[in-house]
Amino acid sequence: MSAAVPVPAPLYAALEMCHPESLPGWLSDAIPRCATAAAPLRLDEHQVEELADLTASTWWECQQAAADDAPLAESFARACEETLTLLGRASS
């Protein structure tokens, strides 16, 4: 199975914020600087699962930060939610 998954700029920013040293190379290498004009990524099953895990943990972090009124946390959390929905559809 493979899936085309968009990685919007707010999601990439959230992933970078929460996982600055641990993003997989396939993700970092595929995203243009600041995630602007990034085409959807063609991901295999393992990459879909890896992105889902990273996005879920980032979503949780953003929810915690939103409770503290951290700037951009709500926007980042929304981007995570949208991506998790897409990834759920891609994996089923």
PDB file of N, CA and C in Angstrom:
ATOM      1  N   MET A   1       0.831  -1.171   0.000  1.00  0.00           N
ATOM      2  CA  MET A   1       0.000   0.000   0.000  1.00  0.00           C
ATOM      3  C   MET A   1       0.882   1.243   0.000  1.00  0.00           C
ATOM      4  N   SER A   2       0.473   2.242  -0.775  1.00  0.00           N
ATOM      5  CA  SER A   2       1.106   3.545  -0.695  1.00  0.00           C
ATOM      6  C   SER A   2       0.000   4.584  -0.754  1.00  0.00           C
ATOM      7  N   ALA A   3       0.307   5.775  -0.278  1.00  0.00           N
ATOM      8  CA  ALA A   3      -0.694   6.832  -0.237  1.00  0.00           C
ATOM      9  C   ALA A   3      -0.020   8.172  -0.504  1.00  0.00           C
ATOM     10  N   ALA A   4      -0.749   9.060  -1.155  1.00  0.00           N
ATOM     11  CA  ALA A   4      -0.281  10.434  -1.350  1.00  0.00           C
ATOM     12  C   ALA A   4      -0.846  11.263  -0.201  1.00  0.00           C
ATOM     13  N   VAL A   5       0.043  11.805   0.611  1.00  0.00           N
ATOM     14  CA  VAL A   5      -0.373  12.540   1.808  1.00  0.00           C
ATOM     15  C   VAL A   5       0.214  13.945   1.783  1.00  0.00           C
ATOM     16  N   PRO A   6      -0.645  14.975   1.844  1.00  0.00           N
ATOM     17  CA  PRO A   6      -0.119  16.329   1.915  1.00  0.00           C
ATOM     18  C   PRO A   6       0.453  16.601   3.306  1.00  0.00           C
ATOM     19  N   VAL A   7       1.514  17.369   3.338  1.00  0.00           N
ATOM     20  CA  VAL A   7       2.094  17.810   4.612  1.00  0.00           C
ATOM     21  C   VAL A   7       2.083  19.336   4.580  1.00  0.00           C
ATOM     22  N   PRO A   8       0.977  19.936   5.058  1.00  0.00           N
ATOM     23  CA  PRO A   8       0.870  21.392   5.006  1.00  0.00           C
ATOM     24  C   PRO A   8       1.905  22.073   5.909  1.00  0.00           C
ATOM     25  N   ALA A   9       2.201  23.313   5.585  1.00  0.00           N
ATOM     26  CA  ALA A   9       3.214  24.070   6.338  1.00  0.00           C
ATOM     27  C   ALA A   9       2.956  24.077   7.846  1.00  0.00           C
ATOM     28  N   PRO A  10       1.700  24.283   8.326  1.00  0.00           N
ATOM     29  CA  PRO A  10       1.501  24.278   9.778  1.00  0.00           C
ATOM     30  C   PRO A  10       1.841  22.934  10.425  1.00  0.00           C
ATOM     31  N   LEU A  11       1.551  21.837   9.718  1.00  0.00           N
ATOM     32  CA  LEU A  11       1.902  20.524  10.273  1.00  0.00           C
ATOM     33  C   LEU A  11       3.410  20.367  10.337  1.00  0.00           C
ATOM     34  N   TYR A  12       4.092  20.708   9.264  1.00  0.00           N
ATOM     35  CA  TYR A  12       5.547  20.566   9.253  1.00  0.00           C
ATOM     36  C   TYR A  12       6.177  21.427  10.351  1.00  0.00           C
ATOM     37  N   ALA A  13       5.665  22.644  10.525  1.00  0.00           N
ATOM     38  CA  ALA A  13       6.174  23.521  11.584  1.00  0.00           C
ATOM     39  C   ALA A  13       5.953  22.893  12.956  1.00  0.00           C
ATOM     40  N   ALA A  14       4.772  22.305  13.156  1.00  0.00           N
ATOM     41  CA  ALA A  14       4.479  21.658  14.439  1.00  0.00           C
ATOM     42  C   ALA A  14       5.401  20.462  14.669  1.00  0.00           C
ATOM     43  N   LEU A  15       5.615  19.658  13.626  1.00  0.00           N
ATOM     44  CA  LEU A  15       6.516  18.511  13.750  1.00  0.00           C
ATOM     45  C   LEU A  15       7.931  18.971  14.084  1.00  0.00           C
ATOM     46  N   GLU A  16       8.385  20.019  13.414  1.00  0.00           N
ATOM     47  CA  GLU A  16       9.727  20.556  13.683  1.00  0.00           C
ATOM     48  C   GLU A  16       9.830  21.092  15.106  1.00  0.00           C
ATOM     49  N   MET A  17       8.764  21.721  15.583  1.00  0.00           N
ATOM     50  CA  MET A  17       8.771  22.286  16.931  1.00  0.00           C
ATOM     51  C   MET A  17       8.873  21.178  17.983  1.00  0.00           C
ATOM     52  N   CYS A  18       8.123  20.102  17.787  1.00  0.00           N
ATOM     53  CA  CYS A  18       8.067  19.040  18.795  1.00  0.00           C
ATOM     54  C   CYS A  18       9.134  17.964  18.626  1.00  0.00           C
ATOM     55  N   HIS A  19       9.634  17.785  17.415  1.00  0.00           N
ATOM     56  CA  HIS A  19      10.603  16.717  17.135  1.00  0.00           C
ATOM     57  C   HIS A  19      11.779  17.260  16.323  1.00  0.00           C
ATOM     58  N   PRO A  20      12.451  18.303  16.797  1.00  0.00           N
ATOM     59  CA  PRO A  20      13.482  18.954  15.966  1.00  0.00           C
ATOM     60  C   PRO A  20      14.640  18.039  15.573  1.00  0.00           C
ATOM     61  N   GLU A  21      14.961  17.097  16.388  1.00  0.00           N
ATOM     62  CA  GLU A  21      16.107  16.221  16.109  1.00  0.00           C
ATOM     63  C   GLU A  21      15.718  14.825  15.653  1.00  0.00           C
ATOM     64  N   SER A  22      14.420  14.530  15.628  1.00  0.00           N
ATOM     65  CA  SER A  22      14.047  13.143  15.370  1.00  0.00           C
ATOM     66  C   SER A  22      13.101  12.933  14.193  1.00  0.00           C
ATOM     67  N   LEU A  23      12.949  13.936  13.328  1.00  0.00           N
ATOM     68  CA  LEU A  23      12.133  13.702  12.142  1.00  0.00           C
ATOM     69  C   LEU A  23      12.868  12.751  11.212  1.00  0.00           C
ATOM     70  N   PRO A  24      12.152  11.813  10.623  1.00  0.00           N
ATOM     71  CA  PRO A  24      12.811  10.874   9.717  1.00  0.00           C
ATOM     72  C   PRO A  24      13.364  11.597   8.483  1.00  0.00           C
ATOM     73  N   GLY A  25      14.464  11.091   7.976  1.00  0.00           N
ATOM     74  CA  GLY A  25      15.104  11.701   6.820  1.00  0.00           C
ATOM     75  C   GLY A  25      14.192  11.794   5.615  1.00  0.00           C
ATOM     76  N   TRP A  26      13.362  10.763   5.398  1.00  0.00           N
ATOM     77  CA  TRP A  26      12.470  10.790   4.236  1.00  0.00           C
ATOM     78  C   TRP A  26      11.518  11.972   4.294  1.00  0.00           C
ATOM     79  N   LEU A  27      11.147  12.413   5.506  1.00  0.00           N
ATOM     80  CA  LEU A  27      10.244  13.550   5.651  1.00  0.00           C
ATOM     81  C   LEU A  27      10.997  14.857   5.465  1.00  0.00           C
ATOM     82  N   SER A  28      12.103  15.008   6.159  1.00  0.00           N
ATOM     83  CA  SER A  28      12.892  16.237   6.054  1.00  0.00           C
ATOM     84  C   SER A  28      13.394  16.474   4.630  1.00  0.00           C
ATOM     85  N   ASP A  29      13.813  15.407   3.969  1.00  0.00           N
ATOM     86  CA  ASP A  29      14.356  15.535   2.618  1.00  0.00           C
ATOM     87  C   ASP A  29      13.285  15.865   1.585  1.00  0.00           C
ATOM     88  N   ALA A  30      12.057  15.477   1.843  1.00  0.00           N
ATOM     89  CA  ALA A  30      10.988  15.648   0.863  1.00  0.00           C
ATOM     90  C   ALA A  30      10.283  16.997   0.960  1.00  0.00           C
ATOM     91  N   ILE A  31      10.477  17.710   2.042  1.00  0.00           N
ATOM     92  CA  ILE A  31       9.758  18.957   2.270  1.00  0.00           C
ATOM     93  C   ILE A  31      10.659  20.142   1.916  1.00  0.00           C
ATOM     94  N   PRO A  32      10.186  21.039   1.010  1.00  0.00           N
ATOM     95  CA  PRO A  32      10.969  22.238   0.706  1.00  0.00           C
ATOM     96  C   PRO A  32      11.106  23.127   1.934  1.00  0.00           C
ATOM     97  N   ARG A  33      12.027  24.036   1.887  1.00  0.00           N
ATOM     98  CA  ARG A  33      12.264  24.954   3.005  1.00  0.00           C
ATOM     99  C   ARG A  33      10.944  25.547   3.497  1.00  0.00           C
ATOM    100  N   CYS A  34      10.699  25.461   4.752  1.00  0.00           N
ATOM    101  CA  CYS A  34       9.502  25.979   5.423  1.00  0.00           C
ATOM    102  C   CYS A  34       8.212  25.327   4.924  1.00  0.00           C
ATOM    103  N   ALA A  35       8.315  24.228   4.224  1.00  0.00           N
ATOM    104  CA  ALA A  35       7.164  23.456   3.739  1.00  0.00           C
ATOM    105  C   ALA A  35       6.292  24.233   2.772  1.00  0.00           C
ATOM    106  N   THR A  36       6.826  25.274   2.157  1.00  0.00           N
ATOM    107  CA  THR A  36       6.015  26.027   1.212  1.00  0.00           C
ATOM    108  C   THR A  36       5.959  25.291  -0.116  1.00  0.00           C
ATOM    109  N   ALA A  37       4.796  25.230  -0.692  1.00  0.00           N
ATOM    110  CA  ALA A  37       4.555  24.606  -1.993  1.00  0.00           C
ATOM    111  C   ALA A  37       4.966  23.131  -2.025  1.00  0.00           C
ATOM    112  N   ALA A  38       4.847  22.460  -0.913  1.00  0.00           N
ATOM    113  CA  ALA A  38       5.193  21.040  -0.872  1.00  0.00           C
ATOM    114  C   ALA A  38       4.102  20.217  -1.544  1.00  0.00           C
ATOM    115  N   ALA A  39       4.504  19.380  -2.464  1.00  0.00           N
ATOM    116  CA  ALA A  39       3.562  18.461  -3.107  1.00  0.00           C
ATOM    117  C   ALA A  39       3.236  17.335  -2.121  1.00  0.00           C
ATOM    118  N   PRO A  40       2.088  16.682  -2.288  1.00  0.00           N
ATOM    119  CA  PRO A  40       1.796  15.534  -1.418  1.00  0.00           C
ATOM    120  C   PRO A  40       2.916  14.492  -1.507  1.00  0.00           C
ATOM    121  N   LEU A  41       3.207  13.874  -0.396  1.00  0.00           N
ATOM    122  CA  LEU A  41       4.251  12.857  -0.351  1.00  0.00           C
ATOM    123  C   LEU A  41       3.666  11.497  -0.674  1.00  0.00           C
ATOM    124  N   ARG A  42       4.370  10.708  -1.452  1.00  0.00           N
ATOM    125  CA  ARG A  42       3.971   9.329  -1.731  1.00  0.00           C
ATOM    126  C   ARG A  42       4.625   8.480  -0.647  1.00  0.00           C
ATOM    127  N   LEU A  43       3.809   7.950   0.269  1.00  0.00           N
ATOM    128  CA  LEU A  43       4.316   7.219   1.426  1.00  0.00           C
ATOM    129  C   LEU A  43       3.948   5.748   1.354  1.00  0.00           C
ATOM    130  N   ASP A  44       4.877   4.903   1.791  1.00  0.00           N
ATOM    131  CA  ASP A  44       4.552   3.484   1.912  1.00  0.00           C
ATOM    132  C   ASP A  44       3.869   3.258   3.266  1.00  0.00           C
ATOM    133  N   GLU A  45       3.461   2.042   3.518  1.00  0.00           N
ATOM    134  CA  GLU A  45       2.703   1.732   4.737  1.00  0.00           C
ATOM    135  C   GLU A  45       3.489   2.095   6.007  1.00  0.00           C
ATOM    136  N   HIS A  46       4.775   1.778   6.030  1.00  0.00           N
ATOM    137  CA  HIS A  46       5.606   2.088   7.204  1.00  0.00           C
ATOM    138  C   HIS A  46       5.695   3.600   7.415  1.00  0.00           C
ATOM    139  N   GLN A  47       5.865   4.356   6.348  1.00  0.00           N
ATOM    140  CA  GLN A  47       5.966   5.812   6.466  1.00  0.00           C
ATOM    141  C   GLN A  47       4.645   6.429   6.919  1.00  0.00           C
ATOM    142  N   VAL A  48       3.521   5.877   6.444  1.00  0.00           N
ATOM    143  CA  VAL A  48       2.209   6.356   6.902  1.00  0.00           C
ATOM    144  C   VAL A  48       2.096   6.157   8.414  1.00  0.00           C
ATOM    145  N   GLU A  49       2.481   4.986   8.891  1.00  0.00           N
ATOM    146  CA  GLU A  49       2.428   4.708  10.335  1.00  0.00           C
ATOM    147  C   GLU A  49       3.373   5.616  11.110  1.00  0.00           C
ATOM    148  N   GLU A  50       4.577   5.821  10.591  1.00  0.00           N
ATOM    149  CA  GLU A  50       5.553   6.674  11.270  1.00  0.00           C
ATOM    150  C   GLU A  50       5.060   8.117  11.337  1.00  0.00           C
ATOM    151  N   LEU A  51       4.522   8.620  10.222  1.00  0.00           N
ATOM    152  CA  LEU A  51       3.988   9.977  10.226  1.00  0.00           C
ATOM    153  C   LEU A  51       2.792  10.088  11.166  1.00  0.00           C
ATOM    154  N   ALA A  52       1.953   9.077  11.212  1.00  0.00           N
ATOM    155  CA  ALA A  52       0.802   9.088  12.126  1.00  0.00           C
ATOM    156  C   ALA A  52       1.265   9.142  13.578  1.00  0.00           C
ATOM    157  N   ASP A  53       2.277   8.363  13.930  1.00  0.00           N
ATOM    158  CA  ASP A  53       2.801   8.374  15.310  1.00  0.00           C
ATOM    159  C   ASP A  53       3.383   9.743  15.668  1.00  0.00           C
ATOM    160  N   LEU A  54       4.175  10.302  14.774  1.00  0.00           N
ATOM    161  CA  LEU A  54       4.760  11.628  15.021  1.00  0.00           C
ATOM    162  C   LEU A  54       3.671  12.692  15.133  1.00  0.00           C
ATOM    163  N   THR A  55       2.686  12.606  14.246  1.00  0.00           N
ATOM    164  CA  THR A  55       1.610  13.598  14.246  1.00  0.00           C
ATOM    165  C   THR A  55       0.755  13.481  15.494  1.00  0.00           C
ATOM    166  N   ALA A  56       0.482  12.264  15.940  1.00  0.00           N
ATOM    167  CA  ALA A  56      -0.328  12.073  17.150  1.00  0.00           C
ATOM    168  C   ALA A  56       0.379  12.631  18.383  1.00  0.00           C
ATOM    169  N   SER A  57       1.672  12.371  18.506  1.00  0.00           N
ATOM    170  CA  SER A  57       2.386  12.904  19.672  1.00  0.00           C
ATOM    171  C   SER A  57       2.499  14.423  19.589  1.00  0.00           C
ATOM    172  N   THR A  58       2.648  14.954  18.384  1.00  0.00           N
ATOM    173  CA  THR A  58       2.698  16.407  18.199  1.00  0.00           C
ATOM    174  C   THR A  58       1.348  17.027  18.530  1.00  0.00           C
ATOM    175  N   TRP A  59       0.270  16.381  18.099  1.00  0.00           N
ATOM    176  CA  TRP A  59      -1.077  16.860  18.394  1.00  0.00           C
ATOM    177  C   TRP A  59      -1.286  16.959  19.902  1.00  0.00           C
ATOM    178  N   TRP A  60      -0.862  15.926  20.637  1.00  0.00           N
ATOM    179  CA  TRP A  60      -0.998  15.931  22.093  1.00  0.00           C
ATOM    180  C   TRP A  60      -0.206  17.098  22.692  1.00  0.00           C
ATOM    181  N   GLU A  61       1.023  17.279  22.228  1.00  0.00           N
ATOM    182  CA  GLU A  61       1.853  18.392  22.733  1.00  0.00           C
ATOM    183  C   GLU A  61       1.185  19.737  22.456  1.00  0.00           C
ATOM    184  N   CYS A  62       0.617  19.886  21.273  1.00  0.00           N
ATOM    185  CA  CYS A  62      -0.042  21.144  20.915  1.00  0.00           C
ATOM    186  C   CYS A  62      -1.286  21.380  21.760  1.00  0.00           C
ATOM    187  N   GLN A  63      -2.013  20.330  22.070  1.00  0.00           N
ATOM    188  CA  GLN A  63      -3.178  20.478  22.943  1.00  0.00           C
ATOM    189  C   GLN A  63      -2.751  20.955  24.326  1.00  0.00           C
ATOM    190  N   GLN A  64      -1.661  20.416  24.832  1.00  0.00           N
ATOM    191  CA  GLN A  64      -1.165  20.847  26.141  1.00  0.00           C
ATOM    192  C   GLN A  64      -0.733  22.308  26.085  1.00  0.00           C
ATOM    193  N   ALA A  65      -0.052  22.677  25.012  1.00  0.00           N
ATOM    194  CA  ALA A  65       0.422  24.051  24.862  1.00  0.00           C
ATOM    195  C   ALA A  65      -0.739  25.022  24.672  1.00  0.00           C
ATOM    196  N   ALA A  66      -1.790  24.592  23.990  1.00  0.00           N
ATOM    197  CA  ALA A  66      -2.955  25.461  23.790  1.00  0.00           C
ATOM    198  C   ALA A  66      -3.597  25.821  25.120  1.00  0.00           C
ATOM    199  N   ALA A  67      -3.573  24.889  26.053  1.00  0.00           N
ATOM    200  CA  ALA A  67      -4.134  25.165  27.378  1.00  0.00           C
ATOM    201  C   ALA A  67      -3.337  26.252  28.092  1.00  0.00           C
ATOM    202  N   ASP A  68      -2.078  26.410  27.709  1.00  0.00           N
ATOM    203  CA  ASP A  68      -1.223  27.454  28.296  1.00  0.00           C
ATOM    204  C   ASP A  68      -1.185  28.712  27.438  1.00  0.00           C
ATOM    205  N   ASP A  69      -2.079  28.803  26.454  1.00  0.00           N
ATOM    206  CA  ASP A  69      -2.145  29.947  25.534  1.00  0.00           C
ATOM    207  C   ASP A  69      -0.853  30.159  24.749  1.00  0.00           C
ATOM    208  N   ALA A  70      -0.193  29.079  24.388  1.00  0.00           N
ATOM    209  CA  ALA A  70       1.018  29.179  23.581  1.00  0.00           C
ATOM    210  C   ALA A  70       0.652  29.627  22.165  1.00  0.00           C
ATOM    211  N   PRO A  71       1.424  30.548  21.611  1.00  0.00           N
ATOM    212  CA  PRO A  71       1.133  31.010  20.252  1.00  0.00           C
ATOM    213  C   PRO A  71       1.181  29.856  19.253  1.00  0.00           C
ATOM    214  N   LEU A  72       0.280  29.858  18.322  1.00  0.00           N
ATOM    215  CA  LEU A  72       0.192  28.900  17.221  1.00  0.00           C
ATOM    216  C   LEU A  72      -0.224  27.487  17.630  1.00  0.00           C
ATOM    217  N   ALA A  73      -0.354  27.208  18.899  1.00  0.00           N
ATOM    218  CA  ALA A  73      -0.664  25.846  19.338  1.00  0.00           C
ATOM    219  C   ALA A  73      -1.988  25.352  18.767  1.00  0.00           C
ATOM    220  N   GLU A  74      -3.007  26.197  18.761  1.00  0.00           N
ATOM    221  CA  GLU A  74      -4.303  25.767  18.232  1.00  0.00           C
ATOM    222  C   GLU A  74      -4.229  25.507  16.734  1.00  0.00           C
ATOM    223  N   SER A  75      -3.530  26.359  16.017  1.00  0.00           N
ATOM    224  CA  SER A  75      -3.366  26.163  14.572  1.00  0.00           C
ATOM    225  C   SER A  75      -2.600  24.880  14.282  1.00  0.00           C
ATOM    226  N   PHE A  76      -1.536  24.644  15.035  1.00  0.00           N
ATOM    227  CA  PHE A  76      -0.750  23.422  14.862  1.00  0.00           C
ATOM    228  C   PHE A  76      -1.588  22.187  15.210  1.00  0.00           C
ATOM    229  N   ALA A  77      -2.368  22.277  16.279  1.00  0.00           N
ATOM    230  CA  ALA A  77      -3.213  21.143  16.678  1.00  0.00           C
ATOM    231  C   ALA A  77      -4.241  20.837  15.598  1.00  0.00           C
ATOM    232  N   ARG A  78      -4.816  21.872  15.012  1.00  0.00           N
ATOM    233  CA  ARG A  78      -5.796  21.685  13.943  1.00  0.00           C
ATOM    234  C   ARG A  78      -5.154  21.000  12.733  1.00  0.00           C
ATOM    235  N   ALA A  79      -3.936  21.411  12.373  1.00  0.00           N
ATOM    236  CA  ALA A  79      -3.218  20.785  11.254  1.00  0.00           C
ATOM    237  C   ALA A  79      -2.947  19.309  11.560  1.00  0.00           C
ATOM    238  N   CYS A  80      -2.616  19.009  12.805  1.00  0.00           N
ATOM    239  CA  CYS A  80      -2.385  17.615  13.198  1.00  0.00           C
ATOM    240  C   CYS A  80      -3.669  16.806  13.076  1.00  0.00           C
ATOM    241  N   GLU A  81      -4.776  17.358  13.563  1.00  0.00           N
ATOM    242  CA  GLU A  81      -6.059  16.652  13.484  1.00  0.00           C
ATOM    243  C   GLU A  81      -6.431  16.349  12.036  1.00  0.00           C
ATOM    244  N   GLU A  82      -6.285  17.328  11.163  1.00  0.00           N
ATOM    245  CA  GLU A  82      -6.621  17.135   9.753  1.00  0.00           C
ATOM    246  C   GLU A  82      -5.747  16.052   9.130  1.00  0.00           C
ATOM    247  N   THR A  83      -4.473  16.064   9.453  1.00  0.00           N
ATOM    248  CA  THR A  83      -3.558  15.071   8.895  1.00  0.00           C
ATOM    249  C   THR A  83      -3.860  13.685   9.446  1.00  0.00           C
ATOM    250  N   LEU A  84      -4.165  13.579  10.728  1.00  0.00           N
ATOM    251  CA  LEU A  84      -4.511  12.271  11.290  1.00  0.00           C
ATOM    252  C   LEU A  84      -5.759  11.700  10.613  1.00  0.00           C
ATOM    253  N   THR A  85      -6.710  12.556  10.286  1.00  0.00           N
ATOM    254  CA  THR A  85      -7.905  12.107   9.568  1.00  0.00           C
ATOM    255  C   THR A  85      -7.518  11.556   8.189  1.00  0.00           C
ATOM    256  N   LEU A  86      -6.670  12.305   7.479  1.00  0.00           N
ATOM    257  CA  LEU A  86      -6.212  11.834   6.159  1.00  0.00           C
ATOM    258  C   LEU A  86      -5.435  10.533   6.259  1.00  0.00           C
ATOM    259  N   LEU A  87      -4.572  10.443   7.250  1.00  0.00           N
ATOM    260  CA  LEU A  87      -3.774   9.227   7.411  1.00  0.00           C
ATOM    261  C   LEU A  87      -4.652   8.031   7.761  1.00  0.00           C
ATOM    262  N   GLY A  88      -5.700   8.267   8.550  1.00  0.00           N
ATOM    263  CA  GLY A  88      -6.641   7.208   8.874  1.00  0.00           C
ATOM    264  C   GLY A  88      -7.328   6.685   7.628  1.00  0.00           C
ATOM    265  N   ARG A  89      -7.711   7.579   6.751  1.00  0.00           N
ATOM    266  CA  ARG A  89      -8.345   7.167   5.494  1.00  0.00           C
ATOM    267  C   ARG A  89      -7.354   6.431   4.609  1.00  0.00           C
ATOM    268  N   ALA A  90      -6.104   6.903   4.590  1.00  0.00           N
ATOM    269  CA  ALA A  90      -5.081   6.288   3.730  1.00  0.00           C
ATOM    270  C   ALA A  90      -4.736   4.877   4.178  1.00  0.00           C
ATOM    271  N   SER A  91      -4.794   4.622   5.476  1.00  0.00           N
ATOM    272  CA  SER A  91      -4.404   3.310   5.978  1.00  0.00           C
ATOM    273  C   SER A  91      -5.550   2.299   5.976  1.00  0.00           C
ATOM    274  N   SER A  92      -6.768   2.753   5.698  1.00  0.00           N
ATOM    275  CA  SER A  92      -7.894   1.799   5.691  1.00  0.00           C
ATOM    276  C   SER A  92      -8.246   1.370   4.288  1.00  0.00           C
TER     277      SER A  92
END
